[in-house]
PDB file of N, CA and C in Angstrom:
ATOM      1  N   UNK A   1      37.912  72.667  18.064  1.00  0.00           N
ATOM      2  CA  UNK A   1      37.608  72.920  19.451  1.00  0.00           C
ATOM      3  C   UNK A   1      37.022  71.647  20.058  1.00  0.00           C
ATOM      4  N   UNK A   2      37.464  71.345  21.287  1.00  0.00           N
ATOM      5  CA  UNK A   2      36.920  70.171  21.977  1.00  0.00           C
ATOM      6  C   UNK A   2      35.475  70.466  22.351  1.00  0.00           C
ATOM      7  N   UNK A   3      34.604  69.509  22.077  1.00  0.00           N
ATOM      8  CA  UNK A   3      33.177  69.649  22.363  1.00  0.00           C
ATOM      9  C   UNK A   3      32.686  68.447  23.152  1.00  0.00           C
ATOM     10  N   UNK A   4      31.631  68.688  23.929  1.00  0.00           N
ATOM     11  CA  UNK A   4      30.905  67.599  24.562  1.00  0.00           C
ATOM     12  C   UNK A   4      29.557  67.517  23.857  1.00  0.00           C
ATOM     13  N   UNK A   5      29.253  66.357  23.337  1.00  0.00           N
ATOM     14  CA  UNK A   5      27.968  66.105  22.693  1.00  0.00           C
ATOM     15  C   UNK A   5      27.168  65.198  23.605  1.00  0.00           C
ATOM     16  N   UNK A   6      25.990  65.652  23.988  1.00  0.00           N
ATOM     17  CA  UNK A   6      25.063  64.830  24.763  1.00  0.00           C
ATOM     18  C   UNK A   6      23.930  64.446  23.822  1.00  0.00           C
ATOM     19  N   UNK A   7      23.686  63.147  23.702  1.00  0.00           N
ATOM     20  CA  UNK A   7      22.638  62.621  22.836  1.00  0.00           C
ATOM     21  C   UNK A   7      21.634  61.878  23.716  1.00  0.00           C
ATOM     22  N   UNK A   8      20.385  62.333  23.719  1.00  0.00           N
ATOM     23  CA  UNK A   8      19.326  61.688  24.506  1.00  0.00           C
ATOM     24  C   UNK A   8      18.282  61.111  23.563  1.00  0.00           C
ATOM     25  N   UNK A   9      18.010  59.826  23.738  1.00  0.00           N
ATOM     26  CA  UNK A   9      17.157  59.092  22.805  1.00  0.00           C
ATOM     27  C   UNK A   9      15.837  58.726  23.481  1.00  0.00           C
ATOM     28  N   UNK A  10      14.701  59.088  22.882  1.00  0.00           N
ATOM     29  CA  UNK A  10      13.403  58.710  23.444  1.00  0.00           C
ATOM     30  C   UNK A  10      13.310  57.183  23.608  1.00  0.00           C
ATOM     31  N   UNK A  11      12.610  56.734  24.635  1.00  0.00           N
ATOM     32  CA  UNK A  11      12.547  55.309  24.970  1.00  0.00           C
ATOM     33  C   UNK A  11      12.038  54.466  23.807  1.00  0.00           C
ATOM     34  N   UNK A  12      10.899  54.835  23.222  1.00  0.00           N
ATOM     35  CA  UNK A  12      10.337  54.012  22.145  1.00  0.00           C
ATOM     36  C   UNK A  12      11.264  53.938  20.940  1.00  0.00           C
ATOM     37  N   UNK A  13      11.842  55.079  20.566  1.00  0.00           N
ATOM     38  CA  UNK A  13      12.784  55.091  19.447  1.00  0.00           C
ATOM     39  C   UNK A  13      14.005  54.258  19.782  1.00  0.00           C
ATOM     40  N   UNK A  14      14.485  54.382  21.025  1.00  0.00           N
ATOM     41  CA  UNK A  14      15.636  53.600  21.458  1.00  0.00           C
ATOM     42  C   UNK A  14      15.372  52.104  21.401  1.00  0.00           C
ATOM     43  N   UNK A  15      14.192  51.694  21.872  1.00  0.00           N
ATOM     44  CA  UNK A  15      13.835  50.278  21.831  1.00  0.00           C
ATOM     45  C   UNK A  15      13.844  49.749  20.398  1.00  0.00           C
ATOM     46  N   UNK A  16      13.187  50.495  19.520  1.00  0.00           N
ATOM     47  CA  UNK A  16      13.115  50.088  18.113  1.00  0.00           C
ATOM     48  C   UNK A  16      14.503  50.070  17.479  1.00  0.00           C
ATOM     49  N   UNK A  17      15.310  51.095  17.768  1.00  0.00           N
ATOM     50  CA  UNK A  17      16.624  51.201  17.129  1.00  0.00           C
ATOM     51  C   UNK A  17      17.611  50.146  17.624  1.00  0.00           C
ATOM     52  N   UNK A  18      17.405  49.639  18.830  1.00  0.00           N
ATOM     53  CA  UNK A  18      18.244  48.535  19.297  1.00  0.00           C
ATOM     54  C   UNK A  18      17.884  47.271  18.540  1.00  0.00           C
ATOM     55  N   UNK A  19      16.591  47.012  18.408  1.00  0.00           N
ATOM     56  CA  UNK A  19      16.121  45.803  17.720  1.00  0.00           C
ATOM     57  C   UNK A  19      16.530  45.808  16.253  1.00  0.00           C
ATOM     58  N   UNK A  20      16.385  46.961  15.565  1.00  0.00           N
ATOM     59  CA  UNK A  20      16.688  46.977  14.128  1.00  0.00           C
ATOM     60  C   UNK A  20      18.146  47.323  13.802  1.00  0.00           C
ATOM     61  N   UNK A  21      18.958  47.607  14.839  1.00  0.00           N
ATOM     62  CA  UNK A  21      20.382  47.866  14.622  1.00  0.00           C
ATOM     63  C   UNK A  21      20.747  49.311  14.341  1.00  0.00           C
ATOM     64  N   UNK A  22      19.759  50.192  14.258  1.00  0.00           N
ATOM     65  CA  UNK A  22      20.028  51.588  13.931  1.00  0.00           C
ATOM     66  C   UNK A  22      20.871  52.290  14.997  1.00  0.00           C
ATOM     67  N   UNK A  23      20.618  51.996  16.259  1.00  0.00           N
ATOM     68  CA  UNK A  23      21.372  52.659  17.326  1.00  0.00           C
ATOM     69  C   UNK A  23      22.857  52.327  17.204  1.00  0.00           C
ATOM     70  N   UNK A  24      23.148  51.060  17.120  1.00  0.00           N
ATOM     71  CA  UNK A  24      24.548  50.634  17.013  1.00  0.00           C
ATOM     72  C   UNK A  24      25.217  51.223  15.774  1.00  0.00           C
ATOM     73  N   UNK A  25      24.538  51.173  14.645  1.00  0.00           N
ATOM     74  CA  UNK A  25      25.092  51.685  13.383  1.00  0.00           C
ATOM     75  C   UNK A  25      25.334  53.192  13.458  1.00  0.00           C
ATOM     76  N   UNK A  26      24.392  53.931  14.016  1.00  0.00           N
ATOM     77  CA  UNK A  26      24.515  55.387  14.104  1.00  0.00           C
ATOM     78  C   UNK A  26      25.683  55.780  15.000  1.00  0.00           C
ATOM     79  N   UNK A  27      25.788  55.154  16.155  1.00  0.00           N
ATOM     80  CA  UNK A  27      26.885  55.464  17.076  1.00  0.00           C
ATOM     81  C   UNK A  27      28.222  55.084  16.455  1.00  0.00           C
ATOM     82  N   UNK A  28      28.277  53.920  15.845  1.00  0.00           N
ATOM     83  CA  UNK A  28      29.527  53.462  15.224  1.00  0.00           C
ATOM     84  C   UNK A  28      29.987  54.417  14.127  1.00  0.00           C
ATOM     85  N   UNK A  29      29.056  54.865  13.277  1.00  0.00           N
ATOM     86  CA  UNK A  29      29.414  55.794  12.196  1.00  0.00           C
ATOM     87  C   UNK A  29      29.928  57.119  12.763  1.00  0.00           C
ATOM     88  N   UNK A  30      29.267  57.624  13.819  1.00  0.00           N
ATOM     89  CA  UNK A  30      29.746  58.859  14.451  1.00  0.00           C
ATOM     90  C   UNK A  30      31.153  58.658  15.011  1.00  0.00           C
ATOM     91  N   UNK A  31      31.364  57.541  15.692  1.00  0.00           N
ATOM     92  CA  UNK A  31      32.667  57.269  16.302  1.00  0.00           C
ATOM     93  C   UNK A  31      33.759  57.167  15.236  1.00  0.00           C
ATOM     94  N   UNK A  32      33.471  56.538  14.117  1.00  0.00           N
ATOM     95  CA  UNK A  32      34.465  56.408  13.052  1.00  0.00           C
ATOM     96  C   UNK A  32      34.786  57.750  12.408  1.00  0.00           C
ATOM     97  N   UNK A  33      33.758  58.578  12.202  1.00  0.00           N
ATOM     98  CA  UNK A  33      33.979  59.862  11.530  1.00  0.00           C
ATOM     99  C   UNK A  33      34.646  60.890  12.437  1.00  0.00           C
ATOM    100  N   UNK A  34      34.211  60.995  13.693  1.00  0.00           N
ATOM    101  CA  UNK A  34      34.685  62.074  14.560  1.00  0.00           C
ATOM    102  C   UNK A  34      35.705  61.636  15.611  1.00  0.00           C
ATOM    103  N   UNK A  35      35.953  60.348  15.727  1.00  0.00           N
ATOM    104  CA  UNK A  35      36.978  59.793  16.610  1.00  0.00           C
ATOM    105  C   UNK A  35      37.012  60.463  17.986  1.00  0.00           C
ATOM    106  N   UNK A  36      35.930  60.358  18.755  1.00  0.00           N
ATOM    107  CA  UNK A  36      35.912  60.997  20.068  1.00  0.00           C
ATOM    108  C   UNK A  36      37.012  60.451  20.972  1.00  0.00           C
ATOM    109  N   UNK A  37      37.542  61.350  21.826  1.00  0.00           N
ATOM    110  CA  UNK A  37      38.571  60.912  22.774  1.00  0.00           C
ATOM    111  C   UNK A  37      37.952  60.116  23.912  1.00  0.00           C
ATOM    112  N   UNK A  38      36.658  60.287  24.131  1.00  0.00           N
ATOM    113  CA  UNK A  38      35.936  59.511  25.143  1.00  0.00           C
ATOM    114  C   UNK A  38      34.468  59.429  24.757  1.00  0.00           C
ATOM    115  N   UNK A  39      33.838  58.335  25.140  1.00  0.00           N
ATOM    116  CA  UNK A  39      32.401  58.154  24.929  1.00  0.00           C
ATOM    117  C   UNK A  39      31.856  57.380  26.126  1.00  0.00           C
ATOM    118  N   UNK A  40      30.773  57.896  26.687  1.00  0.00           N
ATOM    119  CA  UNK A  40      30.143  57.270  27.851  1.00  0.00           C
ATOM    120  C   UNK A  40      28.653  57.135  27.580  1.00  0.00           C
ATOM    121  N   UNK A  41      28.067  56.070  28.091  1.00  0.00           N
ATOM    122  CA  UNK A  41      26.658  55.784  27.865  1.00  0.00           C
ATOM    123  C   UNK A  41      25.994  55.556  29.218  1.00  0.00           C
ATOM    124  N   UNK A  42      24.906  56.304  29.460  1.00  0.00           N
ATOM    125  CA  UNK A  42      24.228  56.274  30.751  1.00  0.00           C
ATOM    126  C   UNK A  42      22.720  56.352  30.538  1.00  0.00           C
ATOM    127  N   UNK A  43      21.984  56.103  31.613  1.00  0.00           N
ATOM    128  CA  UNK A  43      20.561  56.422  31.636  1.00  0.00           C
ATOM    129  C   UNK A  43      20.458  57.761  32.350  1.00  0.00           C
ATOM    130  N   UNK A  44      19.924  58.771  31.686  1.00  0.00           N
ATOM    131  CA  UNK A  44      19.787  60.105  32.253  1.00  0.00           C
ATOM    132  C   UNK A  44      18.334  60.525  32.112  1.00  0.00           C
ATOM    133  N   UNK A  45      17.687  60.805  33.232  1.00  0.00           N
ATOM    134  CA  UNK A  45      16.271  61.183  33.241  1.00  0.00           C
ATOM    135  C   UNK A  45      15.415  60.139  32.528  1.00  0.00           C
ATOM    136  N   UNK A  46      15.805  58.883  32.648  1.00  0.00           N
ATOM    137  CA  UNK A  46      15.037  57.791  32.049  1.00  0.00           C
ATOM    138  C   UNK A  46      15.279  57.572  30.569  1.00  0.00           C
ATOM    139  N   UNK A  47      16.247  58.270  29.991  1.00  0.00           N
ATOM    140  CA  UNK A  47      16.525  58.140  28.556  1.00  0.00           C
ATOM    141  C   UNK A  47      17.899  57.529  28.332  1.00  0.00           C
ATOM    142  N   UNK A  48      18.026  56.743  27.282  1.00  0.00           N
ATOM    143  CA  UNK A  48      19.354  56.296  26.858  1.00  0.00           C
ATOM    144  C   UNK A  48      20.114  57.541  26.424  1.00  0.00           C
ATOM    145  N   UNK A  49      21.283  57.730  26.996  1.00  0.00           N
ATOM    146  CA  UNK A  49      22.034  58.954  26.749  1.00  0.00           C
ATOM    147  C   UNK A  49      23.492  58.626  26.502  1.00  0.00           C
ATOM    148  N   UNK A  50      24.067  59.285  25.523  1.00  0.00           N
ATOM    149  CA  UNK A  50      25.492  59.155  25.235  1.00  0.00           C
ATOM    150  C   UNK A  50      26.171  60.494  25.395  1.00  0.00           C
ATOM    151  N   UNK A  51      27.372  60.475  25.957  1.00  0.00           N
ATOM    152  CA  UNK A  51      28.224  61.658  26.066  1.00  0.00           C
ATOM    153  C   UNK A  51      29.479  61.373  25.259  1.00  0.00           C
ATOM    154  N   UNK A  52      29.780  62.259  24.321  1.00  0.00           N
ATOM    155  CA  UNK A  52      30.945  62.102  23.463  1.00  0.00           C
ATOM    156  C   UNK A  52      31.804  63.359  23.587  1.00  0.00           C
ATOM    157  N   UNK A  53      33.102  63.175  23.738  1.00  0.00           N
ATOM    158  CA  UNK A  53      34.043  64.292  23.788  1.00  0.00           C
ATOM    159  C   UNK A  53      34.925  64.172  22.558  1.00  0.00           C
ATOM    160  N   UNK A  54      34.861  65.185  21.691  1.00  0.00           N
ATOM    161  CA  UNK A  54      35.542  65.093  20.409  1.00  0.00           C
ATOM    162  C   UNK A  54      35.948  66.479  19.929  1.00  0.00           C
ATOM    163  N   UNK A  55      36.804  66.510  18.908  1.00  0.00           N
ATOM    164  CA  UNK A  55      37.247  67.772  18.337  1.00  0.00           C
ATOM    165  C   UNK A  55      36.335  68.139  17.174  1.00  0.00           C
ATOM    166  N   UNK A  56      35.736  69.324  17.257  1.00  0.00           N
ATOM    167  CA  UNK A  56      34.926  69.852  16.160  1.00  0.00           C
ATOM    168  C   UNK A  56      35.835  70.773  15.354  1.00  0.00           C
ATOM    169  N   UNK A  57      36.245  70.325  14.196  1.00  0.00           N
ATOM    170  CA  UNK A  57      37.220  71.062  13.390  1.00  0.00           C
ATOM    171  C   UNK A  57      36.678  72.408  12.913  1.00  0.00           C
ATOM    172  N   UNK A  58      35.416  72.422  12.510  1.00  0.00           N
ATOM    173  CA  UNK A  58      34.833  73.674  12.017  1.00  0.00           C
ATOM    174  C   UNK A  58      33.333  73.663  12.279  1.00  0.00           C
ATOM    175  N   UNK A  59      32.777  74.841  12.423  1.00  0.00           N
ATOM    176  CA  UNK A  59      31.357  74.932  12.765  1.00  0.00           C
ATOM    177  C   UNK A  59      30.459  74.338  11.681  1.00  0.00           C
ATOM    178  N   UNK A  60      30.935  74.281  10.465  1.00  0.00           N
ATOM    179  CA  UNK A  60      30.124  73.694   9.394  1.00  0.00           C
ATOM    180  C   UNK A  60      29.979  72.182   9.553  1.00  0.00           C
ATOM    181  N   UNK A  61      30.694  71.576  10.517  1.00  0.00           N
ATOM    182  CA  UNK A  61      30.527  70.146  10.806  1.00  0.00           C
ATOM    183  C   UNK A  61      29.330  69.881  11.725  1.00  0.00           C
ATOM    184  N   UNK A  62      28.758  70.928  12.314  1.00  0.00           N
ATOM    185  CA  UNK A  62      27.652  70.732  13.256  1.00  0.00           C
ATOM    186  C   UNK A  62      26.483  69.966  12.625  1.00  0.00           C
ATOM    187  N   UNK A  63      26.033  70.305  11.427  1.00  0.00           N
ATOM    188  CA  UNK A  63      24.944  69.512  10.843  1.00  0.00           C
ATOM    189  C   UNK A  63      25.302  68.034  10.662  1.00  0.00           C
ATOM    190  N   UNK A  64      26.549  67.742  10.326  1.00  0.00           N
ATOM    191  CA  UNK A  64      26.966  66.348  10.174  1.00  0.00           C
ATOM    192  C   UNK A  64      26.859  65.592  11.488  1.00  0.00           C
ATOM    193  N   UNK A  65      27.138  66.281  12.580  1.00  0.00           N
ATOM    194  CA  UNK A  65      27.026  65.676  13.909  1.00  0.00           C
ATOM    195  C   UNK A  65      25.554  65.526  14.276  1.00  0.00           C
ATOM    196  N   UNK A  66      24.814  66.606  14.204  1.00  0.00           N
ATOM    197  CA  UNK A  66      23.444  66.645  14.715  1.00  0.00           C
ATOM    198  C   UNK A  66      22.457  65.845  13.879  1.00  0.00           C
ATOM    199  N   UNK A  67      22.455  66.032  12.585  1.00  0.00           N
ATOM    200  CA  UNK A  67      21.421  65.428  11.738  1.00  0.00           C
ATOM    201  C   UNK A  67      21.409  63.916  11.800  1.00  0.00           C
ATOM    202  N   UNK A  68      22.572  63.311  11.933  1.00  0.00           N
ATOM    203  CA  UNK A  68      22.627  61.849  12.037  1.00  0.00           C
ATOM    204  C   UNK A  68      21.819  61.356  13.228  1.00  0.00           C
ATOM    205  N   UNK A  69      21.980  62.012  14.370  1.00  0.00           N
ATOM    206  CA  UNK A  69      21.252  61.604  15.568  1.00  0.00           C
ATOM    207  C   UNK A  69      19.786  62.022  15.508  1.00  0.00           C
ATOM    208  N   UNK A  70      19.512  63.200  14.943  1.00  0.00           N
ATOM    209  CA  UNK A  70      18.116  63.635  14.780  1.00  0.00           C
ATOM    210  C   UNK A  70      17.345  62.662  13.885  1.00  0.00           C
ATOM    211  N   UNK A  71      17.875  62.417  12.699  1.00  0.00           N
ATOM    212  CA  UNK A  71      17.168  61.621  11.701  1.00  0.00           C
ATOM    213  C   UNK A  71      17.090  60.140  12.056  1.00  0.00           C
ATOM    214  N   UNK A  72      18.193  59.568  12.547  1.00  0.00           N
ATOM    215  CA  UNK A  72      18.225  58.120  12.793  1.00  0.00           C
ATOM    216  C   UNK A  72      17.611  57.712  14.122  1.00  0.00           C
ATOM    217  N   UNK A  73      17.690  58.601  15.141  1.00  0.00           N
ATOM    218  CA  UNK A  73      17.278  58.194  16.488  1.00  0.00           C
ATOM    219  C   UNK A  73      16.255  59.117  17.125  1.00  0.00           C
ATOM    220  N   UNK A  74      15.787  60.126  16.396  1.00  0.00           N
ATOM    221  CA  UNK A  74      14.842  61.089  16.959  1.00  0.00           C
ATOM    222  C   UNK A  74      15.381  61.679  18.260  1.00  0.00           C
ATOM    223  N   UNK A  75      16.710  61.835  18.326  1.00  0.00           N
ATOM    224  CA  UNK A  75      17.384  62.240  19.554  1.00  0.00           C
ATOM    225  C   UNK A  75      17.363  63.751  19.756  1.00  0.00           C
ATOM    226  N   UNK A  76      17.448  64.138  21.022  1.00  0.00           N
ATOM    227  CA  UNK A  76      17.720  65.522  21.398  1.00  0.00           C
ATOM    228  C   UNK A  76      19.220  65.598  21.642  1.00  0.00           C
ATOM    229  N   UNK A  77      19.844  66.680  21.205  1.00  0.00           N
ATOM    230  CA  UNK A  77      21.283  66.814  21.422  1.00  0.00           C
ATOM    231  C   UNK A  77      21.597  68.132  22.110  1.00  0.00           C
ATOM    232  N   UNK A  78      22.729  68.137  22.780  1.00  0.00           N
ATOM    233  CA  UNK A  78      23.333  69.353  23.312  1.00  0.00           C
ATOM    234  C   UNK A  78      24.795  69.311  22.896  1.00  0.00           C
ATOM    235  N   UNK A  79      25.279  70.399  22.343  1.00  0.00           N
ATOM    236  CA  UNK A  79      26.659  70.497  21.898  1.00  0.00           C
ATOM    237  C   UNK A  79      27.293  71.653  22.660  1.00  0.00           C
ATOM    238  N   UNK A  80      28.291  71.344  23.489  1.00  0.00           N
ATOM    239  CA  UNK A  80      28.849  72.315  24.421  1.00  0.00           C
ATOM    240  C   UNK A  80      30.374  72.322  24.332  1.00  0.00           C
ATOM    241  N   UNK A  81      30.998  73.497  24.233  1.00  0.00           N
ATOM    242  CA  UNK A  81      32.465  73.539  24.300  1.00  0.00           C
ATOM    243  C   UNK A  81      32.930  72.951  25.631  1.00  0.00           C
ATOM    244  N   UNK A  82      34.048  72.238  25.599  1.00  0.00           N
ATOM    245  CA  UNK A  82      34.543  71.579  26.810  1.00  0.00           C
ATOM    246  C   UNK A  82      36.061  71.703  26.886  1.00  0.00           C
ATOM    247  N   UNK A  83      36.579  71.629  28.120  1.00  0.00           N
ATOM    248  CA  UNK A  83      38.017  71.671  28.349  1.00  0.00           C
ATOM    249  C   UNK A  83      38.433  70.450  29.158  1.00  0.00           C
ATOM    250  N   UNK A  84      39.655  69.992  28.929  1.00  0.00           N
ATOM    251  CA  UNK A  84      40.219  69.014  29.839  1.00  0.00           C
ATOM    252  C   UNK A  84      40.990  69.789  30.916  1.00  0.00           C
ATOM    253  N   UNK A  85      41.597  69.095  31.860  1.00  0.00           N
ATOM    254  CA  UNK A  85      42.264  69.767  32.973  1.00  0.00           C
ATOM    255  C   UNK A  85      43.389  70.688  32.502  1.00  0.00           C
ATOM    256  N   UNK A  86      44.163  70.251  31.519  1.00  0.00           N
ATOM    257  CA  UNK A  86      45.259  71.076  31.009  1.00  0.00           C
ATOM    258  C   UNK A  86      44.732  72.346  30.342  1.00  0.00           C
ATOM    259  N   UNK A  87      43.645  72.234  29.590  1.00  0.00           N
ATOM    260  CA  UNK A  87      43.033  73.410  28.962  1.00  0.00           C
ATOM    261  C   UNK A  87      42.557  74.402  30.014  1.00  0.00           C
ATOM    262  N   UNK A  88      41.912  73.885  31.057  1.00  0.00           N
ATOM    263  CA  UNK A  88      41.396  74.749  32.108  1.00  0.00           C
ATOM    264  C   UNK A  88      42.526  75.466  32.825  1.00  0.00           C
ATOM    265  N   UNK A  89      43.591  74.740  33.139  1.00  0.00           N
ATOM    266  CA  UNK A  89      44.735  75.349  33.825  1.00  0.00           C
ATOM    267  C   UNK A  89      45.352  76.463  32.975  1.00  0.00           C
ATOM    268  N   UNK A  90      45.541  76.200  31.689  1.00  0.00           N
ATOM    269  CA  UNK A  90      46.111  77.205  30.790  1.00  0.00           C
ATOM    270  C   UNK A  90      45.185  78.411  30.653  1.00  0.00           C
ATOM    271  N   UNK A  91      43.888  78.166  30.568  1.00  0.00           N
ATOM    272  CA  UNK A  91      42.928  79.255  30.445  1.00  0.00           C
ATOM    273  C   UNK A  91      42.877  80.135  31.682  1.00  0.00           C
ATOM    274  N   UNK A  92      42.902  79.511  32.849  1.00  0.00           N
ATOM    275  CA  UNK A  92      42.886  80.286  34.095  1.00  0.00           C
ATOM    276  C   UNK A  92      44.166  81.095  34.217  1.00  0.00           C
ATOM    277  N   UNK A  93      45.282  80.472  33.896  1.00  0.00           N
ATOM    278  CA  UNK A  93      46.569  81.199  33.945  1.00  0.00           C
ATOM    279  C   UNK A  93      46.536  82.409  33.014  1.00  0.00           C
ATOM    280  N   UNK A  94      46.031  82.228  31.825  1.00  0.00           N
ATOM    281  CA  UNK A  94      45.947  83.336  30.861  1.00  0.00           C
ATOM    282  C   UNK A  94      45.010  84.420  31.376  1.00  0.00           C
ATOM    283  N   UNK A  95      43.877  84.027  31.943  1.00  0.00           N
ATOM    284  CA  UNK A  95      42.915  85.001  32.466  1.00  0.00           C
ATOM    285  C   UNK A  95      43.515  85.794  33.625  1.00  0.00           C
ATOM    286  N   UNK A  96      44.294  85.160  34.460  1.00  0.00           N
ATOM    287  CA  UNK A  96      44.892  85.843  35.611  1.00  0.00           C
ATOM    288  C   UNK A  96      45.967  86.833  35.180  1.00  0.00           C
ATOM    289  N   UNK A  97      46.643  86.564  34.084  1.00  0.00           N
ATOM    290  CA  UNK A  97      47.646  87.516  33.568  1.00  0.00           C
ATOM    291  C   UNK A  97      46.984  88.801  33.082  1.00  0.00           C
ATOM    292  N   UNK A  98      45.735  88.683  32.645  1.00  0.00           N
ATOM    293  CA  UNK A  98      45.027  89.837  32.108  1.00  0.00           C
ATOM    294  C   UNK A  98      44.355  90.685  33.172  1.00  0.00           C
ATOM    295  N   UNK A  99      44.437  90.288  34.430  1.00  0.00           N
ATOM    296  CA  UNK A  99      43.763  91.025  35.521  1.00  0.00           C
ATOM    297  C   UNK A  99      44.456  92.311  35.855  1.00  0.00           C
TER     298      UNK A  99
END
């Protein structure tokens, strides 16, 4: 299932992890393992934040996604099912047939 992962990193942890290379290494390892179709990096509410859109093959992969960011970056995460435009169109069409 396509998921949106939001990763928010506390300022002090982010500062330290940039200097020691942990931030770059953690993001790179996630990108290599889960091959997100898109990744965006922003400042959100004053925190370094990453948004990743990727396929979660099975729910047992959630700890592999979350723990890396929790342990390495003291990050808060949100994991949310997501659709692209084609998924949304197909879903709405299917829902309307059931009315």
